[in-house]
N, C-alpha and C. Protein backbone atom coordinates (compact mmCIF):
# COMPACT_ATOMS: atom_id res chain seq x y z
N MET A 1 -35.85 38.33 -55.73
CA MET A 1 -36.35 37.21 -55.83
C MET A 1 -37.94 37.69 -54.86
N THR A 2 -38.40 36.13 -54.73
CA THR A 2 -39.87 36.41 -54.36
C THR A 2 -39.55 36.02 -52.86
N ALA A 3 -40.63 35.89 -52.23
CA ALA A 3 -40.82 35.56 -50.46
C ALA A 3 -40.50 34.18 -50.99
N GLU A 4 -41.44 33.64 -51.69
CA GLU A 4 -41.31 32.00 -51.76
C GLU A 4 -39.63 31.59 -52.44
N GLY A 5 -39.08 32.24 -53.40
CA GLY A 5 -37.73 31.93 -53.44
C GLY A 5 -36.92 31.88 -52.22
N HIS A 6 -37.10 33.12 -51.44
CA HIS A 6 -36.16 33.32 -50.14
C HIS A 6 -36.58 32.21 -49.16
N ILE A 7 -37.70 32.22 -49.12
CA ILE A 7 -38.47 30.96 -48.33
C ILE A 7 -37.57 29.41 -48.72
N ILE A 8 -37.69 28.85 -49.84
CA ILE A 8 -37.24 27.71 -50.22
C ILE A 8 -35.70 27.97 -50.34
N PHE A 9 -35.22 28.67 -50.77
CA PHE A 9 -33.51 29.07 -50.61
C PHE A 9 -32.80 28.98 -49.24
N ALA A 10 -33.75 29.42 -48.18
CA ALA A 10 -33.41 29.72 -46.83
C ALA A 10 -33.23 27.94 -46.26
N ILE A 11 -34.59 27.48 -46.40
CA ILE A 11 -34.36 25.98 -46.11
C ILE A 11 -33.05 24.90 -46.77
N ALA A 12 -32.80 25.39 -48.12
CA ALA A 12 -31.40 24.97 -48.78
C ALA A 12 -30.83 25.12 -48.00
N SER A 13 -30.13 26.57 -47.60
CA SER A 13 -29.04 26.81 -47.21
C SER A 13 -28.95 25.95 -46.00
N ALA A 14 -29.78 26.05 -45.21
CA ALA A 14 -30.16 25.24 -43.57
C ALA A 14 -29.84 24.21 -43.64
N ILE A 15 -30.18 23.29 -44.51
CA ILE A 15 -29.73 21.92 -45.08
C ILE A 15 -28.43 21.77 -45.48
N PHE A 16 -28.20 22.33 -46.31
CA PHE A 16 -26.59 22.48 -46.93
C PHE A 16 -25.57 22.59 -45.45
N ALA A 17 -26.02 23.72 -45.12
CA ALA A 17 -25.17 24.04 -43.61
C ALA A 17 -24.77 23.58 -42.92
N LYS A 18 -25.85 22.22 -42.42
CA LYS A 18 -25.92 21.20 -41.85
C LYS A 18 -25.07 19.97 -42.20
N ARG A 19 -25.62 19.94 -43.43
CA ARG A 19 -24.89 18.63 -43.94
C ARG A 19 -23.22 18.43 -44.22
N ALA A 20 -22.88 19.96 -44.78
CA ALA A 20 -21.51 20.27 -44.82
C ALA A 20 -20.58 20.39 -43.92
N GLU A 21 -21.39 20.77 -42.51
CA GLU A 21 -20.93 20.98 -41.21
C GLU A 21 -19.69 22.50 -41.31
N LEU A 22 -20.64 23.39 -42.01
CA LEU A 22 -19.93 24.57 -41.91
C LEU A 22 -19.24 25.35 -40.93
N THR A 23 -19.93 24.87 -39.48
CA THR A 23 -19.49 25.49 -38.17
C THR A 23 -19.95 23.98 -37.25
N PRO A 24 -18.92 23.97 -36.23
CA PRO A 24 -19.24 22.81 -35.46
C PRO A 24 -20.41 22.80 -34.68
N VAL A 25 -21.24 23.82 -34.25
CA VAL A 25 -22.71 24.18 -33.85
C VAL A 25 -23.52 23.60 -35.07
N LEU A 26 -23.34 24.17 -36.26
CA LEU A 26 -24.32 23.64 -37.10
C LEU A 26 -24.25 22.26 -37.46
N ALA A 27 -22.76 21.83 -37.44
CA ALA A 27 -23.07 20.13 -37.49
C ALA A 27 -23.78 19.12 -36.58
N GLN A 28 -23.54 20.13 -35.06
CA GLN A 28 -24.42 19.22 -33.98
C GLN A 28 -25.92 19.88 -34.07
N ALA A 29 -26.32 20.89 -34.86
CA ALA A 29 -27.62 21.81 -34.70
C ALA A 29 -28.68 20.59 -34.57
N ASP A 30 -29.94 20.94 -34.24
CA ASP A 30 -31.02 20.12 -34.04
C ASP A 30 -31.95 20.63 -35.16
N TRP A 31 -32.18 19.63 -36.03
CA TRP A 31 -32.86 20.19 -37.45
C TRP A 31 -34.03 21.06 -37.32
N TRP A 32 -34.92 21.04 -36.07
CA TRP A 32 -35.88 21.78 -36.25
C TRP A 32 -35.27 23.14 -35.39
N HIS A 33 -34.88 23.48 -34.63
CA HIS A 33 -34.13 24.63 -34.38
C HIS A 33 -33.69 25.36 -35.39
N LEU A 34 -32.76 24.55 -36.46
CA LEU A 34 -32.04 25.32 -37.31
C LEU A 34 -32.98 25.57 -38.44
N ILE A 35 -33.71 24.92 -39.27
CA ILE A 35 -34.62 24.99 -40.07
C ILE A 35 -35.85 26.19 -39.60
N SER A 36 -36.21 26.14 -38.58
CA SER A 36 -37.49 27.41 -37.96
C SER A 36 -36.77 28.12 -37.51
N ALA A 37 -35.37 28.75 -37.01
CA ALA A 37 -34.35 29.97 -36.79
C ALA A 37 -34.41 30.43 -38.54
N ALA A 38 -33.83 29.87 -39.21
CA ALA A 38 -33.48 30.40 -40.67
C ALA A 38 -34.99 31.01 -41.11
N LEU A 39 -36.00 30.26 -41.20
CA LEU A 39 -36.78 30.33 -42.04
C LEU A 39 -37.25 31.85 -41.12
N LEU A 40 -37.39 31.91 -39.85
CA LEU A 40 -37.86 33.09 -38.98
C LEU A 40 -37.26 34.55 -39.69
N THR A 41 -36.37 34.35 -39.85
CA THR A 41 -35.10 35.30 -40.33
C THR A 41 -34.75 35.42 -41.84
N CYS A 42 -35.21 34.70 -42.71
CA CYS A 42 -34.94 34.67 -44.40
C CYS A 42 -35.52 36.00 -45.26
N LEU A 43 -36.89 36.65 -44.41
CA LEU A 43 -37.55 37.91 -45.12
C LEU A 43 -37.45 39.12 -44.51
N LEU A 44 -36.52 38.96 -43.64
CA LEU A 44 -36.07 39.93 -42.84
C LEU A 44 -35.56 41.20 -43.51
N PRO A 45 -34.20 40.73 -44.31
CA PRO A 45 -34.07 41.88 -45.01
C PRO A 45 -34.83 42.69 -45.90
N ASP A 46 -35.82 42.11 -46.49
CA ASP A 46 -37.00 42.85 -46.87
C ASP A 46 -37.92 43.89 -46.23
N ILE A 47 -37.12 44.14 -45.07
CA ILE A 47 -38.07 44.82 -44.41
C ILE A 47 -38.29 46.30 -44.52
N ASP A 48 -36.88 46.91 -45.70
CA ASP A 48 -37.13 48.12 -46.36
C ASP A 48 -37.68 48.34 -47.32
N HIS A 49 -39.03 47.10 -47.79
CA HIS A 49 -39.73 47.35 -48.70
C HIS A 49 -41.02 47.65 -48.37
N PRO A 50 -41.67 48.57 -48.41
CA PRO A 50 -42.93 48.60 -48.08
C PRO A 50 -44.13 47.41 -48.19
N LYS A 51 -43.82 46.89 -49.63
CA LYS A 51 -44.66 46.37 -50.42
C LYS A 51 -44.45 44.71 -50.13
N SER A 52 -43.25 44.74 -49.45
CA SER A 52 -42.72 42.97 -49.60
C SER A 52 -43.92 42.78 -48.47
N LEU A 53 -43.83 40.89 -47.94
CA LEU A 53 -44.41 40.31 -47.48
C LEU A 53 -44.32 40.63 -46.24
N LEU A 54 -42.98 41.16 -45.53
CA LEU A 54 -42.72 41.50 -44.38
C LEU A 54 -43.29 43.14 -43.82
N GLY A 55 -42.74 43.41 -45.24
CA GLY A 55 -43.41 45.22 -45.27
C GLY A 55 -44.81 45.39 -45.00
N GLN A 56 -45.22 44.82 -45.63
CA GLN A 56 -47.02 44.98 -45.62
C GLN A 56 -47.42 44.52 -44.35
N ARG A 57 -46.88 43.78 -43.49
CA ARG A 57 -46.85 43.48 -42.27
C ARG A 57 -46.42 44.17 -40.98
N LEU A 58 -45.73 45.09 -40.98
CA LEU A 58 -44.86 46.01 -40.35
C LEU A 58 -44.61 47.56 -40.94
N LYS A 59 -45.52 47.79 -41.64
CA LYS A 59 -45.06 49.05 -42.03
C LYS A 59 -45.18 50.11 -41.54
N TRP A 60 -45.30 50.31 -39.97
CA TRP A 60 -44.76 51.37 -39.29
C TRP A 60 -43.01 51.07 -39.19
N ILE A 61 -42.94 50.39 -39.08
CA ILE A 61 -41.10 49.54 -39.22
C ILE A 61 -40.83 49.89 -41.04
N SER A 62 -41.09 49.71 -41.72
CA SER A 62 -40.58 49.37 -43.07
C SER A 62 -41.02 50.95 -43.58
N LYS A 63 -41.40 51.39 -43.56
CA LYS A 63 -41.87 52.76 -44.24
C LYS A 63 -40.31 53.42 -44.33
N PRO A 64 -40.44 54.02 -42.39
CA PRO A 64 -38.97 54.54 -41.75
C PRO A 64 -37.99 54.22 -42.83
N ILE A 65 -37.72 52.42 -42.60
CA ILE A 65 -36.34 52.15 -43.03
C ILE A 65 -36.25 52.59 -44.59
N ALA A 66 -37.35 52.06 -44.73
CA ALA A 66 -37.35 52.63 -46.68
C ALA A 66 -37.04 53.64 -46.98
N ARG A 67 -37.45 54.81 -46.01
CA ARG A 67 -37.15 56.42 -46.50
C ARG A 67 -35.82 56.66 -46.33
N ALA A 68 -35.04 56.15 -45.18
CA ALA A 68 -34.13 56.22 -44.76
C ALA A 68 -32.87 55.48 -45.50
N PHE A 69 -33.24 54.28 -46.09
CA PHE A 69 -32.10 53.30 -46.99
C PHE A 69 -32.37 53.37 -48.28
N GLY A 70 -33.70 53.45 -48.68
CA GLY A 70 -34.36 52.70 -49.61
C GLY A 70 -34.00 50.96 -49.90
N HIS A 71 -34.77 50.47 -50.55
CA HIS A 71 -34.29 49.05 -50.87
C HIS A 71 -33.18 48.84 -51.48
N ARG A 72 -32.52 47.21 -50.50
CA ARG A 72 -31.59 46.88 -50.91
C ARG A 72 -30.58 47.57 -50.61
N GLY A 73 -30.53 48.49 -49.29
CA GLY A 73 -29.39 48.98 -48.95
C GLY A 73 -28.91 48.97 -47.89
N PHE A 74 -28.89 49.56 -46.50
CA PHE A 74 -28.51 48.50 -45.48
C PHE A 74 -28.54 47.62 -45.04
N THR A 75 -29.94 47.31 -45.31
CA THR A 75 -30.60 45.78 -44.10
C THR A 75 -30.36 44.77 -45.82
N HIS A 76 -29.61 44.79 -46.63
CA HIS A 76 -29.18 43.53 -47.57
C HIS A 76 -27.06 43.93 -47.46
N SER A 77 -26.42 44.41 -46.32
CA SER A 77 -25.33 44.40 -46.23
C SER A 77 -24.82 43.39 -45.18
N LEU A 78 -23.47 43.31 -45.16
CA LEU A 78 -22.96 42.33 -44.42
C LEU A 78 -22.80 43.65 -42.86
N LEU A 79 -22.79 44.72 -43.10
CA LEU A 79 -22.95 45.42 -41.39
C LEU A 79 -24.57 45.64 -41.11
N ALA A 80 -25.64 45.40 -41.51
CA ALA A 80 -26.64 45.24 -41.11
C ALA A 80 -26.38 43.84 -40.13
N VAL A 81 -25.93 42.75 -40.78
CA VAL A 81 -25.64 41.32 -40.14
C VAL A 81 -24.90 41.51 -38.70
N ALA A 82 -23.61 42.50 -38.57
CA ALA A 82 -22.86 42.46 -37.80
C ALA A 82 -23.53 43.26 -37.07
N ALA A 83 -24.52 44.37 -37.12
CA ALA A 83 -24.98 44.95 -36.40
C ALA A 83 -26.29 44.55 -35.45
N GLY A 84 -26.88 43.64 -36.40
CA GLY A 84 -27.82 42.70 -35.73
C GLY A 84 -27.01 42.03 -34.62
N LEU A 85 -26.05 41.31 -35.13
CA LEU A 85 -25.59 40.27 -34.20
C LEU A 85 -25.00 40.89 -32.77
N TRP A 86 -24.71 42.45 -32.90
CA TRP A 86 -24.28 43.13 -31.48
C TRP A 86 -25.24 43.17 -30.97
N LEU A 87 -26.33 43.65 -31.68
CA LEU A 87 -27.90 44.57 -30.93
C LEU A 87 -27.99 43.56 -29.72
N PHE A 88 -28.34 42.47 -30.54
CA PHE A 88 -28.58 41.00 -30.07
C PHE A 88 -27.71 40.84 -28.49
N GLN A 89 -26.96 40.58 -28.82
CA GLN A 89 -25.89 40.13 -27.78
C GLN A 89 -25.68 41.30 -26.63
N VAL A 90 -26.27 42.65 -27.06
CA VAL A 90 -26.20 43.46 -25.95
C VAL A 90 -27.52 43.73 -25.20
N ASN A 91 -28.40 43.67 -26.16
CA ASN A 91 -30.00 43.63 -25.29
C ASN A 91 -30.92 42.08 -24.97
N VAL A 92 -30.23 40.87 -25.13
CA VAL A 92 -30.38 39.58 -24.49
C VAL A 92 -29.92 39.39 -23.52
N PRO A 93 -30.87 39.33 -22.03
CA PRO A 93 -30.07 38.99 -20.52
C PRO A 93 -28.93 37.96 -20.95
N GLY A 94 -28.07 38.03 -20.01
CA GLY A 94 -27.40 36.97 -19.72
C GLY A 94 -28.43 35.63 -19.58
N ASP A 95 -29.19 35.58 -18.38
CA ASP A 95 -29.77 34.65 -18.08
C ASP A 95 -30.76 33.98 -19.07
N TRP A 96 -30.87 34.89 -20.31
CA TRP A 96 -32.03 34.20 -21.23
C TRP A 96 -31.15 33.35 -22.13
N LEU A 97 -31.18 32.31 -22.08
CA LEU A 97 -30.00 31.16 -23.07
C LEU A 97 -30.78 31.23 -24.24
N MET A 98 -30.65 31.29 -25.69
CA MET A 98 -30.61 30.81 -26.71
C MET A 98 -29.71 29.69 -27.06
N PRO A 99 -30.11 28.71 -27.83
CA PRO A 99 -29.27 27.71 -28.04
C PRO A 99 -28.54 28.39 -29.11
N ALA A 100 -27.03 27.90 -29.30
CA ALA A 100 -26.12 28.36 -30.07
C ALA A 100 -26.62 27.95 -31.70
N ASP A 101 -27.34 26.75 -31.69
CA ASP A 101 -27.92 26.52 -33.30
C ASP A 101 -29.15 27.28 -33.28
N VAL A 102 -29.50 27.88 -32.55
CA VAL A 102 -30.53 28.78 -33.11
C VAL A 102 -30.13 30.23 -33.45
N LEU A 103 -29.26 30.65 -33.14
CA LEU A 103 -28.48 32.01 -32.90
C LEU A 103 -28.26 31.86 -34.33
N GLN A 104 -27.38 30.96 -34.61
CA GLN A 104 -26.69 30.22 -35.93
C GLN A 104 -27.34 30.27 -37.13
N GLY A 105 -28.81 29.57 -36.58
CA GLY A 105 -30.08 29.22 -37.81
C GLY A 105 -30.27 31.01 -38.07
N LEU A 106 -30.65 31.85 -37.07
CA LEU A 106 -30.97 33.22 -37.46
C LEU A 106 -30.03 34.18 -38.39
N THR A 107 -28.90 33.63 -38.34
CA THR A 107 -27.95 34.34 -38.60
C THR A 107 -27.72 34.47 -40.53
N LEU A 108 -27.99 32.48 -40.65
CA LEU A 108 -27.96 31.88 -41.80
C LEU A 108 -29.22 32.22 -42.74
N GLY A 109 -30.44 32.64 -41.72
CA GLY A 109 -31.54 32.86 -42.54
C GLY A 109 -31.62 34.15 -43.00
N TYR A 110 -31.01 34.87 -42.45
CA TYR A 110 -30.95 36.17 -42.76
C TYR A 110 -29.57 36.12 -44.09
N LEU A 111 -28.34 35.87 -44.01
CA LEU A 111 -27.42 35.55 -44.99
C LEU A 111 -28.06 35.09 -46.43
N SER A 112 -28.83 33.92 -46.02
CA SER A 112 -29.47 33.51 -47.21
C SER A 112 -30.20 34.39 -48.29
N HIS A 113 -31.21 35.16 -47.76
CA HIS A 113 -31.66 36.02 -48.35
C HIS A 113 -30.79 37.33 -49.34
N ILE A 114 -29.49 37.49 -48.59
CA ILE A 114 -28.65 38.61 -49.38
C ILE A 114 -28.11 37.80 -50.22
N VAL A 115 -27.79 36.73 -49.92
CA VAL A 115 -26.83 35.52 -51.28
C VAL A 115 -28.09 35.70 -52.41
N ALA A 116 -29.29 35.21 -51.94
CA ALA A 116 -30.19 34.61 -53.04
C ALA A 116 -30.57 35.95 -53.99
N ASP A 117 -30.30 37.19 -53.23
CA ASP A 117 -30.85 38.70 -54.07
C ASP A 117 -28.91 38.84 -54.87
N MET A 118 -28.30 38.01 -54.19
CA MET A 118 -27.02 38.40 -55.59
C MET A 118 -26.87 37.52 -56.59
N LEU A 119 -28.44 36.86 -56.69
CA LEU A 119 -28.55 36.37 -58.31
C LEU A 119 -29.24 36.67 -58.97
N THR A 120 -29.81 38.34 -58.60
CA THR A 120 -30.54 38.78 -59.60
C THR A 120 -29.87 40.03 -60.02
N PRO A 121 -30.23 40.70 -61.21
CA PRO A 121 -29.38 41.68 -61.72
C PRO A 121 -29.38 42.64 -60.95
N ALA A 122 -30.08 43.13 -60.19
CA ALA A 122 -29.60 44.24 -58.95
C ALA A 122 -28.82 44.13 -57.86
N GLY A 123 -28.82 42.97 -57.45
CA GLY A 123 -27.39 42.41 -56.73
C GLY A 123 -27.54 43.19 -55.48
N VAL A 124 -26.68 43.11 -54.64
CA VAL A 124 -26.71 43.92 -53.11
C VAL A 124 -25.60 44.42 -52.86
N PRO A 125 -25.59 45.81 -52.13
CA PRO A 125 -24.60 46.06 -51.47
C PRO A 125 -23.49 45.73 -50.42
N LEU A 126 -23.27 44.53 -50.35
CA LEU A 126 -22.64 43.93 -49.19
C LEU A 126 -21.57 44.80 -48.88
N LEU A 127 -21.09 45.51 -48.97
CA LEU A 127 -20.10 46.80 -48.08
C LEU A 127 -20.90 47.86 -48.02
N TRP A 128 -22.19 47.98 -47.87
CA TRP A 128 -22.95 48.98 -47.82
C TRP A 128 -22.12 50.06 -46.42
N PRO A 129 -21.68 51.49 -46.55
CA PRO A 129 -22.38 52.34 -47.54
C PRO A 129 -21.75 52.43 -48.39
N CYS A 130 -20.50 51.66 -48.78
CA CYS A 130 -20.14 51.88 -50.49
C CYS A 130 -20.88 51.06 -51.61
N ARG A 131 -21.37 51.72 -52.29
CA ARG A 131 -22.50 51.65 -53.28
C ARG A 131 -22.04 50.51 -54.19
N TRP A 132 -20.96 49.68 -54.48
CA TRP A 132 -20.82 48.51 -55.16
C TRP A 132 -21.49 47.76 -55.09
N ARG A 133 -22.40 47.15 -56.09
CA ARG A 133 -23.02 46.12 -55.57
C ARG A 133 -22.71 44.45 -56.49
N PHE A 134 -22.57 43.38 -55.66
CA PHE A 134 -22.49 42.45 -55.42
C PHE A 134 -23.29 41.54 -56.22
N ARG A 135 -22.99 41.22 -57.54
CA ARG A 135 -24.17 40.35 -58.53
C ARG A 135 -23.63 39.31 -58.88
N LEU A 136 -24.42 37.59 -59.02
CA LEU A 136 -24.31 36.75 -60.05
C LEU A 136 -25.59 36.61 -60.71
N PRO A 137 -25.83 37.58 -61.80
CA PRO A 137 -27.40 37.63 -62.24
C PRO A 137 -28.04 36.24 -63.19
N ILE A 138 -28.18 35.20 -62.84
CA ILE A 138 -28.58 33.99 -63.11
C ILE A 138 -30.21 34.09 -62.96
N LEU A 139 -30.56 35.19 -62.09
CA LEU A 139 -32.40 34.95 -62.18
C LEU A 139 -32.62 36.62 -62.61
N ASN A 140 -33.90 36.40 -63.19
CA ASN A 140 -34.54 37.32 -63.81
C ASN A 140 -36.22 37.71 -63.50
N SER A 141 -35.73 38.42 -62.43
CA SER A 141 -37.58 38.73 -62.28
C SER A 141 -38.55 38.77 -63.15
N GLN A 142 -38.39 39.21 -64.14
CA GLN A 142 -39.01 39.75 -65.16
C GLN A 142 -39.95 38.40 -65.86
N ARG A 143 -39.34 37.49 -66.07
CA ARG A 143 -39.33 36.08 -66.86
C ARG A 143 -40.36 35.37 -65.52
N GLY A 144 -40.65 35.92 -64.46
CA GLY A 144 -41.58 35.10 -63.60
C GLY A 144 -40.82 34.55 -62.73
N ASN A 145 -41.44 33.70 -61.72
CA ASN A 145 -40.70 33.20 -60.66
C ASN A 145 -40.44 31.42 -61.12
N GLN A 146 -41.03 30.88 -62.24
CA GLN A 146 -40.47 29.31 -62.68
C GLN A 146 -39.26 28.57 -62.42
N LEU A 147 -38.25 30.19 -62.86
CA LEU A 147 -36.66 29.29 -63.26
C LEU A 147 -36.60 29.84 -61.48
N GLU A 148 -36.83 30.76 -60.88
CA GLU A 148 -36.44 31.19 -59.70
C GLU A 148 -37.17 29.74 -58.76
N ARG A 149 -37.95 29.50 -59.09
CA ARG A 149 -38.54 27.72 -58.21
C ARG A 149 -37.95 26.69 -58.56
N ALA A 150 -37.55 26.72 -59.55
CA ALA A 150 -36.82 25.47 -60.25
C ALA A 150 -35.53 25.36 -59.94
N LEU A 151 -35.02 26.75 -59.32
CA LEU A 151 -33.43 26.22 -59.08
C LEU A 151 -33.63 26.26 -57.68
N CYS A 152 -34.42 27.14 -56.59
CA CYS A 152 -34.29 27.06 -55.42
C CYS A 152 -34.82 25.28 -54.92
N LEU A 153 -35.51 25.06 -55.73
CA LEU A 153 -36.01 23.44 -55.38
C LEU A 153 -35.00 22.15 -55.70
N ALA A 154 -34.22 22.91 -56.85
CA ALA A 154 -32.67 22.10 -56.96
C ALA A 154 -31.99 22.06 -55.88
N LEU A 155 -31.73 23.49 -55.57
CA LEU A 155 -30.79 23.73 -54.35
C LEU A 155 -31.24 22.96 -53.19
N VAL A 156 -32.65 22.55 -52.83
CA VAL A 156 -32.82 21.72 -51.50
C VAL A 156 -32.59 20.29 -52.36
N GLY A 157 -32.88 19.96 -53.04
CA GLY A 157 -32.65 18.65 -53.40
C GLY A 157 -30.96 18.05 -53.57
N TYR A 158 -30.34 19.18 -53.66
CA TYR A 158 -28.74 18.92 -53.78
C TYR A 158 -28.62 18.94 -52.40
N ALA A 159 -28.95 19.99 -51.62
CA ALA A 159 -28.55 19.88 -50.24
C ALA A 159 -28.53 18.54 -49.66
N LEU A 160 -30.21 18.09 -49.77
CA LEU A 160 -30.45 16.69 -49.41
C LEU A 160 -29.52 15.79 -49.46
N ILE A 161 -29.11 15.45 -51.17
CA ILE A 161 -28.05 14.20 -51.19
C ILE A 161 -26.86 14.88 -51.12
N PHE A 162 -26.26 16.01 -50.39
CA PHE A 162 -24.93 16.22 -50.05
C PHE A 162 -24.83 15.29 -49.10
N PRO A 163 -23.24 14.85 -49.27
CA PRO A 163 -22.78 13.86 -48.27
C PRO A 163 -22.59 14.13 -47.05
N ALA A 164 -23.06 13.70 -46.00
CA ALA A 164 -23.17 14.34 -44.45
C ALA A 164 -21.93 13.95 -43.95
N GLY A 165 -21.16 15.11 -43.57
CA GLY A 165 -20.00 14.81 -42.54
C GLY A 165 -19.00 14.72 -43.60
N THR A 166 -19.01 15.10 -44.70
CA THR A 166 -17.60 15.72 -45.64
C THR A 166 -17.04 16.54 -44.73
N PRO A 167 -15.44 16.14 -45.06
CA PRO A 167 -14.29 17.10 -44.71
C PRO A 167 -15.03 18.50 -45.01
N SER A 168 -14.97 19.50 -44.23
CA SER A 168 -15.06 20.83 -44.44
C SER A 168 -14.69 21.49 -45.89
N PHE A 169 -13.20 21.53 -45.48
CA PHE A 169 -12.20 22.03 -46.43
C PHE A 169 -10.97 21.68 -46.63
N GLY A 170 -9.87 21.73 -47.43
CA GLY A 170 -8.78 21.23 -47.69
C GLY A 170 -8.96 20.54 -48.91
N ALA A 171 -7.77 19.87 -49.10
CA ALA A 171 -7.44 18.72 -50.35
C ALA A 171 -8.65 17.91 -50.50
N ASN A 172 -9.49 17.29 -49.37
CA ASN A 172 -10.15 16.69 -49.59
C ASN A 172 -11.66 16.89 -48.96
N GLY A 173 -11.46 18.05 -48.91
CA GLY A 173 -13.21 18.97 -48.37
C GLY A 173 -13.94 18.94 -49.68
N TRP A 174 -15.24 19.13 -48.86
CA TRP A 174 -16.23 19.39 -50.19
C TRP A 174 -16.31 19.89 -51.08
N PRO A 175 -15.16 21.53 -51.24
CA PRO A 175 -15.20 22.35 -52.21
C PRO A 175 -14.64 21.40 -53.45
N ASN A 176 -13.28 20.84 -52.91
CA ASN A 176 -12.73 20.02 -53.95
C ASN A 176 -13.53 18.56 -54.79
N GLN A 177 -14.43 18.15 -53.71
CA GLN A 177 -15.17 17.23 -54.05
C GLN A 177 -16.18 17.17 -55.26
N LEU A 178 -16.73 18.97 -54.74
CA LEU A 178 -17.72 19.24 -55.45
C LEU A 178 -16.70 19.39 -57.34
N PHE A 179 -16.09 20.40 -57.07
CA PHE A 179 -15.33 20.46 -58.18
C PHE A 179 -14.78 19.32 -59.24
N ASP A 180 -14.38 18.50 -58.05
CA ASP A 180 -14.20 16.73 -59.41
C ASP A 180 -15.65 16.24 -59.80
N THR A 181 -16.36 16.67 -59.02
CA THR A 181 -17.58 15.90 -59.52
C THR A 181 -18.04 16.39 -60.67
N LEU A 182 -18.50 17.88 -60.33
CA LEU A 182 -18.31 18.44 -62.01
C LEU A 182 -17.89 18.53 -63.34
N GLN A 183 -16.44 17.90 -62.51
CA GLN A 183 -15.48 18.23 -63.89
C GLN A 183 -15.56 16.73 -64.44
N ASN A 184 -15.66 15.56 -63.51
CA ASN A 184 -15.87 14.15 -63.70
C ASN A 184 -17.26 14.26 -65.05
N GLY A 185 -18.55 14.87 -64.65
CA GLY A 185 -19.70 15.31 -65.22
C GLY A 185 -19.72 15.56 -66.56
N VAL A 186 -18.67 16.76 -66.37
CA VAL A 186 -18.58 17.55 -68.07
C VAL A 186 -18.11 16.50 -68.76
N SER A 187 -16.97 15.73 -68.12
CA SER A 187 -15.44 15.16 -68.96
C SER A 187 -16.87 13.89 -69.54
N ARG A 188 -17.53 12.92 -68.90
CA ARG A 188 -18.19 12.34 -69.45
C ARG A 188 -19.25 12.78 -70.42
N LEU A 189 -20.03 13.85 -70.25
CA LEU A 189 -21.12 14.49 -71.02
C LEU A 189 -20.23 14.79 -72.64
N ILE A 190 -19.02 15.68 -72.59
CA ILE A 190 -18.14 15.53 -73.61
C ILE A 190 -17.96 14.21 -74.44
N SER A 191 -17.25 13.36 -73.70
CA SER A 191 -16.96 12.06 -74.28
C SER A 191 -18.13 11.49 -74.88
N THR A 192 -19.29 11.66 -74.30
CA THR A 192 -20.65 11.11 -74.70
C THR A 192 -21.17 11.83 -75.78
N GLN A 193 -20.68 12.81 -76.39
CA GLN A 193 -21.12 13.91 -77.25
C GLN A 193 -20.25 13.11 -78.74
N LYS A 194 -19.03 13.27 -77.95
CA LYS A 194 -17.63 12.91 -78.92
C LYS A 194 -18.37 11.03 -80.01
N VAL A 195 -19.03 10.47 -79.07
CA VAL A 195 -19.48 9.01 -79.69
C VAL A 195 -20.12 9.11 -80.38
N HIS A 196 -21.54 9.95 -80.47
CA HIS A 196 -22.81 10.10 -80.97
C HIS A 196 -22.24 11.20 -82.30
């Protein structure tokens, strides 16, 4: 996925996470904190690629990471997320307070990158060092980034119209409501096709 795609996908993820109230902190998050924090880390996993937008600017970090792990290795795994959160807790002084919504926004931005890369044929090694690749290949970078841009912008649009305050999970939660909406839409489409 391109840097542009990752940025748009991170914005969509932040909007959706707040409106879907994925955590109590995200439900109460300040929009500026959340979006800004997500944007700060949405390109960070590609530090393992010296030709990426971030890798070109930080070659002194990017090249050693690329040599050690390769592209879409450790930095695209859940272990990297856990290590990053642990290092942050260990190295940030207790008297330097970061709002919880900023920390969750930083994590969300990083995770959005990993999820977006799962949409490509190469996938990501979520359980690194295990080499299994997790993928749902609906985006093919060889066809240009028009489909990628359209999908990411559609996700922003969906996140914006997502009903805020919808119960998170359970019988009446948003996953169930989303499934019901999709099922009703498909049913209407099929019944319209039969009439014509």
